[in-house]
Amino acid sequence: MRSALRQIDDRAERVDVAFATIDPARDDDSVMTAYTHAFFAEGHGLRTDDPDLLATVASPLGVSYSVASPNEEGYIEVVHSAWTYVIDDQGRLLLMWPFGTEPEDMASDLKHLFKELDADA
């Protein structure tokens, strides 16, 4: 994503990046901040301790996830879908990319999206 944003020049200033956790018991605010800022200095870490709220947000996006109880060795398996979403400031899903989408493809999609949005303004 960082590479894609570099390719769209000053339009990148119009993009806010956020990471959401599905494991708030282990991903407290400090963990989320450190993780997010490792990728984007201005990024946002999103978390809630309310499982119903998490499901309400995840469901319309088709996000699947599970956090298992610790096994005998204390290992906790966390499984989740891996998509990147572009959501506007009204909460509308505009784009989504599967894990592994090339930055060039993301940048191309974002340039096209900004062109459409600017034409509608």
Protein backbone atom coordinates (compact mmCIF):
# COMPACT_ATOMS: atom_id res chain seq x y z
CA MET A 1 0.00 0.00 0.00
CA ARG A 2 2.82 2.40 0.83
CA SER A 3 4.30 1.85 -2.63
CA ALA A 4 0.90 2.44 -4.25
CA LEU A 5 0.47 5.72 -2.38
CA ARG A 6 3.90 6.90 -3.53
CA GLN A 7 2.72 6.40 -7.11
CA ILE A 8 -0.29 8.70 -6.81
CA ASP A 9 1.72 11.77 -5.78
CA ASP A 10 -0.09 14.50 -3.83
CA ARG A 11 -3.41 12.65 -4.03
CA ALA A 12 -1.99 10.35 -1.34
CA GLU A 13 -2.65 13.17 1.14
CA ARG A 14 -6.36 12.44 0.66
CA VAL A 15 -5.93 8.85 1.89
CA ASP A 16 -6.06 7.77 5.53
CA VAL A 17 -4.72 4.29 6.26
CA ALA A 18 -6.11 2.22 9.11
CA PHE A 19 -5.49 -1.28 10.42
CA ALA A 20 -8.20 -3.06 12.38
CA THR A 21 -7.58 -5.88 14.83
CA ILE A 22 -9.74 -8.93 15.34
CA ASP A 23 -7.78 -9.86 18.47
CA PRO A 24 -8.28 -6.93 20.87
CA ALA A 25 -7.35 -9.05 23.90
CA ARG A 26 -3.73 -9.13 22.74
CA ASP A 27 -3.70 -6.10 20.45
CA ASP A 28 -4.12 -3.30 22.98
CA ASP A 29 -3.82 0.36 22.01
CA SER A 30 -0.02 0.42 22.33
CA VAL A 31 0.36 -2.70 20.17
CA MET A 32 -1.98 -1.28 17.53
CA THR A 33 -0.13 2.05 17.48
CA ALA A 34 3.27 0.39 17.14
CA TYR A 35 2.06 -1.98 14.41
CA THR A 36 0.30 0.72 12.45
CA HIS A 37 3.15 3.20 12.68
CA ALA A 38 5.62 0.55 11.51
CA PHE A 39 3.88 0.85 8.14
CA PHE A 40 2.40 4.37 8.10
CA ALA A 41 3.49 7.14 10.46
CA GLU A 42 0.09 8.79 10.12
CA GLY A 43 -1.90 5.53 10.14
CA HIS A 44 -4.71 4.62 12.51
CA GLY A 45 -5.13 1.48 14.58
CA LEU A 46 -8.74 0.45 15.08
CA ARG A 47 -9.91 -1.85 17.86
CA THR A 48 -12.95 -2.59 19.94
CA ASP A 49 -13.56 -4.87 22.89
CA ASP A 50 -17.17 -5.31 21.75
CA PRO A 51 -17.46 -8.50 19.65
CA ASP A 52 -20.90 -7.47 18.37
CA LEU A 53 -19.55 -4.16 17.08
CA LEU A 54 -16.64 -5.95 15.41
CA ALA A 55 -19.08 -8.34 13.69
CA THR A 56 -21.29 -5.42 12.63
CA VAL A 57 -18.36 -3.73 10.90
CA ALA A 58 -16.80 -6.90 9.48
CA SER A 59 -19.92 -8.58 8.10
CA PRO A 60 -20.83 -6.14 5.29
CA LEU A 61 -17.23 -6.26 4.09
CA GLY A 62 -17.22 -10.05 3.95
CA VAL A 63 -14.45 -10.25 6.52
CA SER A 64 -14.07 -13.69 8.04
CA TYR A 65 -12.05 -14.23 11.19
CA SER A 66 -11.52 -16.49 14.16
CA VAL A 67 -9.34 -16.36 17.24
CA ALA A 68 -8.82 -19.76 18.83
CA SER A 69 -8.25 -20.47 22.50
CA PRO A 70 -4.62 -21.14 23.40
CA ASN A 71 -3.47 -24.68 22.68
CA GLU A 72 -1.36 -26.77 25.09
CA GLU A 73 1.77 -24.78 24.21
CA GLY A 74 -0.03 -21.46 24.65
CA TYR A 75 -0.15 -20.76 20.91
CA ILE A 76 -3.21 -18.83 19.75
CA GLU A 77 -4.22 -19.31 16.14
CA VAL A 78 -5.67 -16.20 14.52
CA VAL A 79 -7.23 -16.67 11.08
CA HIS A 80 -8.68 -13.88 8.96
CA SER A 81 -9.39 -12.90 5.41
CA ALA A 82 -6.79 -10.61 3.87
CA TRP A 83 -8.28 -7.80 1.84
CA THR A 84 -7.47 -4.12 1.56
CA TYR A 85 -10.53 -1.90 1.44
CA VAL A 86 -11.03 1.64 0.19
CA ILE A 87 -13.89 3.20 2.14
CA ASP A 88 -14.97 6.79 1.70
CA ASP A 89 -15.73 9.26 4.47
CA GLN A 90 -19.41 8.25 4.29
CA GLY A 91 -18.59 4.60 5.03
CA ARG A 92 -19.18 3.38 1.47
CA LEU A 93 -16.98 0.61 0.10
CA LEU A 94 -15.37 1.91 -3.09
CA LEU A 95 -12.66 -0.65 -3.85
CA MET A 96 -11.25 -3.84 -2.44
CA TRP A 97 -8.09 -5.72 -3.29
CA PRO A 98 -7.15 -9.27 -2.34
CA PHE A 99 -3.89 -9.98 -0.56
CA GLY A 100 -1.03 -9.89 -3.04
CA THR A 101 -2.44 -7.18 -5.31
CA GLU A 102 0.48 -5.40 -6.93
CA PRO A 103 1.09 -1.79 -5.85
CA GLU A 104 0.96 -0.69 -9.49
CA ASP A 105 -2.57 -2.09 -9.78
CA MET A 106 -3.63 -0.38 -6.56
CA ALA A 107 -2.16 2.93 -7.76
CA SER A 108 -3.93 2.61 -11.10
CA ASP A 109 -7.25 1.91 -9.37
CA LEU A 110 -6.76 4.85 -7.00
CA LYS A 111 -5.90 7.23 -9.84
CA HIS A 112 -9.04 6.15 -11.67
CA LEU A 113 -11.12 6.51 -8.51
CA PHE A 114 -9.80 10.01 -7.80
CA LYS A 115 -10.49 11.01 -11.39
CA GLU A 116 -14.11 9.86 -10.99
CA LEU A 117 -14.50 11.54 -7.60
CA ASP A 118 -13.01 14.82 -8.84
CA ALA A 119 -15.29 14.78 -11.90
CA ASP A 120 -18.33 14.38 -9.63
CA ALA A 121 -17.27 17.24 -7.35
